[in-house]
Each structure stands twice: as structure tokens, then as C-alpha cells.
N, C-alpha and C. Protein backbone atom coordinates (compact mmCIF):
# COMPACT_ATOMS: atom_id res chain seq x y z
N MET A 1 338.58 70.28 -58.63
CA MET A 1 337.69 70.52 -57.50
C MET A 1 337.34 69.16 -56.88
N GLU A 2 337.40 69.13 -55.60
CA GLU A 2 337.05 67.91 -54.85
C GLU A 2 335.57 67.57 -55.06
N PRO A 3 335.24 66.29 -55.16
CA PRO A 3 333.83 65.90 -55.34
C PRO A 3 332.92 66.40 -54.21
N ILE A 4 333.41 66.37 -52.97
CA ILE A 4 332.59 66.82 -51.84
C ILE A 4 332.29 68.31 -51.95
N ILE A 5 333.29 69.09 -52.35
CA ILE A 5 333.10 70.53 -52.51
C ILE A 5 332.11 70.80 -53.64
N LYS A 6 332.21 70.04 -54.71
CA LYS A 6 331.29 70.20 -55.84
C LYS A 6 329.85 69.93 -55.40
N VAL A 7 329.65 68.87 -54.62
CA VAL A 7 328.31 68.54 -54.11
C VAL A 7 327.82 69.65 -53.19
N ALA A 8 328.68 70.14 -52.32
CA ALA A 8 328.29 71.21 -51.39
C ALA A 8 327.86 72.47 -52.14
N LYS A 9 328.60 72.82 -53.18
CA LYS A 9 328.24 74.01 -53.97
C LYS A 9 326.91 73.81 -54.70
N THR A 10 326.68 72.59 -55.20
CA THR A 10 325.42 72.30 -55.87
C THR A 10 324.26 72.41 -54.88
N LEU A 11 324.43 71.85 -53.69
CA LEU A 11 323.37 71.94 -52.67
C LEU A 11 323.12 73.39 -52.27
N LYS A 12 324.18 74.17 -52.11
CA LYS A 12 324.04 75.57 -51.74
C LYS A 12 323.28 76.34 -52.82
N ARG A 13 323.60 76.05 -54.09
CA ARG A 13 322.94 76.73 -55.21
C ARG A 13 321.44 76.40 -55.27
N HIS A 14 321.08 75.17 -54.89
CA HIS A 14 319.68 74.74 -54.97
C HIS A 14 318.97 74.73 -53.63
N LEU A 15 319.58 75.28 -52.61
CA LEU A 15 319.00 75.24 -51.26
C LEU A 15 317.58 75.81 -51.18
N PRO A 16 317.29 76.97 -51.77
CA PRO A 16 315.90 77.47 -51.68
C PRO A 16 314.87 76.48 -52.24
N ASN A 17 315.18 75.85 -53.36
CA ASN A 17 314.24 74.88 -53.94
C ASN A 17 314.12 73.64 -53.08
N LEU A 18 315.22 73.19 -52.51
CA LEU A 18 315.18 72.03 -51.63
C LEU A 18 314.33 72.31 -50.39
N LEU A 19 314.49 73.48 -49.81
CA LEU A 19 313.69 73.84 -48.63
C LEU A 19 312.21 73.98 -48.98
N THR A 20 311.92 74.54 -50.14
CA THR A 20 310.53 74.66 -50.59
C THR A 20 309.89 73.28 -50.70
N TYR A 21 310.63 72.32 -51.26
CA TYR A 21 310.09 70.96 -51.38
C TYR A 21 309.83 70.37 -50.00
N LEU A 22 310.76 70.54 -49.06
CA LEU A 22 310.59 69.98 -47.72
C LEU A 22 309.38 70.56 -47.01
N VAL A 23 309.08 71.82 -47.26
CA VAL A 23 307.93 72.47 -46.61
C VAL A 23 306.62 72.10 -47.29
N HIS A 24 306.58 72.16 -48.63
CA HIS A 24 305.32 72.00 -49.36
C HIS A 24 305.13 70.65 -50.01
N ARG A 25 306.18 69.84 -50.13
CA ARG A 25 306.11 68.53 -50.79
C ARG A 25 305.57 68.64 -52.20
N PHE A 26 306.06 69.63 -52.92
CA PHE A 26 305.60 69.90 -54.27
C PHE A 26 306.80 69.99 -55.20
N THR A 27 306.72 69.32 -56.35
CA THR A 27 307.78 69.42 -57.35
C THR A 27 307.17 69.81 -58.68
N ASN A 28 308.01 70.08 -59.65
CA ASN A 28 307.53 70.42 -60.99
C ASN A 28 307.63 69.20 -61.91
N ALA A 29 307.67 68.00 -61.35
CA ALA A 29 307.84 66.78 -62.15
C ALA A 29 306.72 66.62 -63.17
N LEU A 30 305.49 66.91 -62.79
CA LEU A 30 304.37 66.75 -63.72
C LEU A 30 304.50 67.69 -64.91
N SER A 31 304.85 68.94 -64.64
CA SER A 31 304.99 69.88 -65.76
C SER A 31 306.19 69.52 -66.63
N GLU A 32 307.27 69.03 -66.04
CA GLU A 32 308.42 68.59 -66.83
C GLU A 32 308.07 67.39 -67.70
N SER A 33 307.27 66.48 -67.18
CA SER A 33 306.84 65.32 -67.95
C SER A 33 305.97 65.75 -69.12
N LEU A 34 305.05 66.65 -68.88
CA LEU A 34 304.18 67.14 -69.95
C LEU A 34 305.00 67.87 -71.02
N ASN A 35 305.97 68.67 -70.59
CA ASN A 35 306.82 69.38 -71.53
C ASN A 35 307.62 68.39 -72.38
N THR A 36 308.09 67.30 -71.78
CA THR A 36 308.83 66.28 -72.52
C THR A 36 307.94 65.63 -73.57
N GLN A 37 306.68 65.36 -73.22
CA GLN A 37 305.75 64.77 -74.18
C GLN A 37 305.51 65.71 -75.35
N ILE A 38 305.36 67.00 -75.06
CA ILE A 38 305.11 67.99 -76.11
C ILE A 38 306.33 68.12 -77.03
N GLU A 39 307.52 68.14 -76.44
CA GLU A 39 308.74 68.21 -77.26
C GLU A 39 308.88 66.98 -78.15
N LYS A 40 308.55 65.81 -77.62
CA LYS A 40 308.61 64.59 -78.42
C LYS A 40 307.62 64.66 -79.58
N LEU A 41 306.42 65.15 -79.31
CA LEU A 41 305.41 65.30 -80.35
C LEU A 41 305.91 66.25 -81.44
N LYS A 42 306.53 67.34 -81.04
CA LYS A 42 307.05 68.30 -82.01
C LYS A 42 308.17 67.70 -82.86
N ARG A 43 309.05 66.92 -82.24
CA ARG A 43 310.12 66.26 -82.99
C ARG A 43 309.57 65.24 -83.97
N MET A 44 308.58 64.46 -83.53
CA MET A 44 307.99 63.44 -84.40
C MET A 44 307.33 64.06 -85.62
N ALA A 45 306.77 65.24 -85.45
CA ALA A 45 306.08 65.89 -86.57
C ALA A 45 307.03 66.74 -87.40
N CYS A 46 308.31 66.78 -87.01
CA CYS A 46 309.30 67.62 -87.71
C CYS A 46 308.86 69.08 -87.74
N GLY A 47 308.26 69.52 -86.65
CA GLY A 47 307.79 70.90 -86.55
C GLY A 47 306.37 71.06 -87.05
N PHE A 48 305.73 72.12 -86.63
CA PHE A 48 304.37 72.43 -87.07
C PHE A 48 304.39 73.80 -87.72
N ARG A 49 303.78 73.89 -88.89
CA ARG A 49 303.69 75.18 -89.56
C ARG A 49 302.45 75.96 -89.12
N ASN A 50 301.48 75.24 -88.58
CA ASN A 50 300.24 75.86 -88.17
C ASN A 50 300.11 75.71 -86.65
N ARG A 51 300.08 76.84 -85.95
CA ARG A 51 300.00 76.83 -84.49
C ARG A 51 298.74 76.13 -83.98
N GLU A 52 297.63 76.30 -84.66
CA GLU A 52 296.37 75.65 -84.24
C GLU A 52 296.47 74.13 -84.35
N HIS A 53 297.10 73.64 -85.40
CA HIS A 53 297.28 72.19 -85.55
C HIS A 53 298.16 71.65 -84.42
N PHE A 54 299.18 72.42 -84.06
CA PHE A 54 300.06 72.02 -82.97
C PHE A 54 299.29 71.95 -81.65
N LYS A 55 298.46 72.95 -81.38
CA LYS A 55 297.65 72.95 -80.16
C LYS A 55 296.71 71.74 -80.14
N LYS A 56 296.09 71.45 -81.26
CA LYS A 56 295.17 70.31 -81.32
C LYS A 56 295.91 69.00 -81.11
N ALA A 57 297.11 68.89 -81.65
CA ALA A 57 297.91 67.68 -81.46
C ALA A 57 298.28 67.51 -79.99
N ILE A 58 298.61 68.61 -79.31
CA ILE A 58 298.93 68.54 -77.88
C ILE A 58 297.71 68.08 -77.09
N TYR A 59 296.55 68.68 -77.36
CA TYR A 59 295.33 68.27 -76.66
C TYR A 59 295.01 66.80 -76.92
N PHE A 60 295.19 66.38 -78.16
CA PHE A 60 294.87 65.02 -78.54
C PHE A 60 295.79 64.01 -77.85
N HIS A 61 297.09 64.27 -77.88
CA HIS A 61 298.06 63.30 -77.36
C HIS A 61 298.29 63.41 -75.86
N CYS A 62 298.14 64.59 -75.30
CA CYS A 62 298.45 64.79 -73.88
C CYS A 62 297.21 64.99 -73.02
N GLY A 63 296.05 64.98 -73.63
CA GLY A 63 294.83 65.28 -72.89
C GLY A 63 294.27 64.12 -72.10
N GLY A 64 294.82 62.92 -72.28
CA GLY A 64 294.33 61.78 -71.52
C GLY A 64 292.95 61.31 -71.96
N LEU A 65 292.62 61.53 -73.21
CA LEU A 65 291.32 61.12 -73.71
C LEU A 65 291.29 59.61 -73.96
N ASP A 66 290.17 59.00 -73.67
CA ASP A 66 289.97 57.59 -73.98
C ASP A 66 289.36 57.53 -75.37
N LEU A 67 290.12 57.07 -76.34
CA LEU A 67 289.68 57.11 -77.73
C LEU A 67 288.91 55.87 -78.16
N TYR A 68 288.79 54.90 -77.29
CA TYR A 68 288.10 53.67 -77.64
C TYR A 68 286.67 53.72 -77.09
N PRO A 69 285.69 53.28 -77.88
CA PRO A 69 284.30 53.31 -77.38
C PRO A 69 284.13 52.35 -76.21
N ARG A 70 283.24 52.71 -75.35
CA ARG A 70 282.96 51.86 -74.20
C ARG A 70 282.11 50.67 -74.62
N ALA A 71 282.38 49.53 -74.02
CA ALA A 71 281.58 48.34 -74.29
C ALA A 71 280.24 48.50 -73.59
N HIS A 72 279.19 48.07 -74.23
CA HIS A 72 277.87 48.15 -73.63
C HIS A 72 277.74 47.11 -72.53
N ASN A 73 277.09 47.49 -71.47
CA ASN A 73 276.86 46.58 -70.36
C ASN A 73 275.63 45.75 -70.70
N THR A 74 275.81 44.46 -70.92
CA THR A 74 274.70 43.61 -71.37
C THR A 74 273.70 43.34 -70.26
N SER A 75 274.08 43.55 -69.02
CA SER A 75 273.14 43.26 -67.93
C SER A 75 272.07 44.32 -67.81
N THR A 76 272.26 45.48 -68.43
CA THR A 76 271.26 46.55 -68.32
C THR A 76 270.46 46.72 -69.60
N THR A 77 270.56 45.79 -70.54
CA THR A 77 269.80 45.94 -71.78
C THR A 77 268.32 45.68 -71.50
N ILE A 78 267.49 46.35 -72.25
CA ILE A 78 266.04 46.22 -72.07
C ILE A 78 265.52 45.19 -73.06
N SER A 79 264.74 44.30 -72.58
CA SER A 79 264.17 43.27 -73.43
C SER A 79 262.97 43.84 -74.19
N CYS A 80 262.84 43.44 -75.44
CA CYS A 80 261.72 43.92 -76.27
C CYS A 80 260.56 42.94 -76.23
N ALA A 81 260.66 41.87 -75.49
CA ALA A 81 259.58 40.89 -75.44
C ALA A 81 258.38 41.48 -74.71
N HIS A 82 257.20 41.23 -75.28
CA HIS A 82 255.98 41.71 -74.65
C HIS A 82 255.43 40.62 -73.73
N PRO A 83 255.00 40.96 -72.54
CA PRO A 83 254.41 39.95 -71.67
C PRO A 83 253.03 39.55 -72.17
N HIS A 84 252.69 38.27 -72.11
CA HIS A 84 251.38 37.80 -72.56
C HIS A 84 250.57 37.32 -71.41
């Protein structure tokens, strides 16, 4: 098969999705990225025997949580000195 014909058939097969993107400017890239992260997590753990543990691992690793405590702002600390 000629390369040009192969490209044309691929475009024809995906035409509805291409037109949807041109109209709405929306892709599924975010969901594909999240799915990739979840699959990687599952591979690293060699599978999960407990569905709840798997859900918690997904929330923990993919939830975007900041796990480090915030530094205290020293400019807003209250002085304990009593005025005389």
C-alpha cells in the first residue's frame, strides 16, 4: 500500500474525532495521562489484592497532594513581649 493512501485511510477513519477537536478544542490527553500513571502504579506494585488499597494508592499518587508541611511565615508571628 502506498504511504499516501495509508495516511488518507487513517485520516478518513479518524475524521469524526479530528472534526470534534477542531470544533471544541478538547482532547482526552489528560485522561490518557492519568490512566498511564495508574497503570505504572499497578505495575510497580505487582498488582493489588485489595481493591481499597489500590484506590487509596491512586488517590495518594495521582491526587496532586502536597505532602510536605508548609513553612511558617516568620513575618506574621506574634511577639510574646509585654509592653512596659
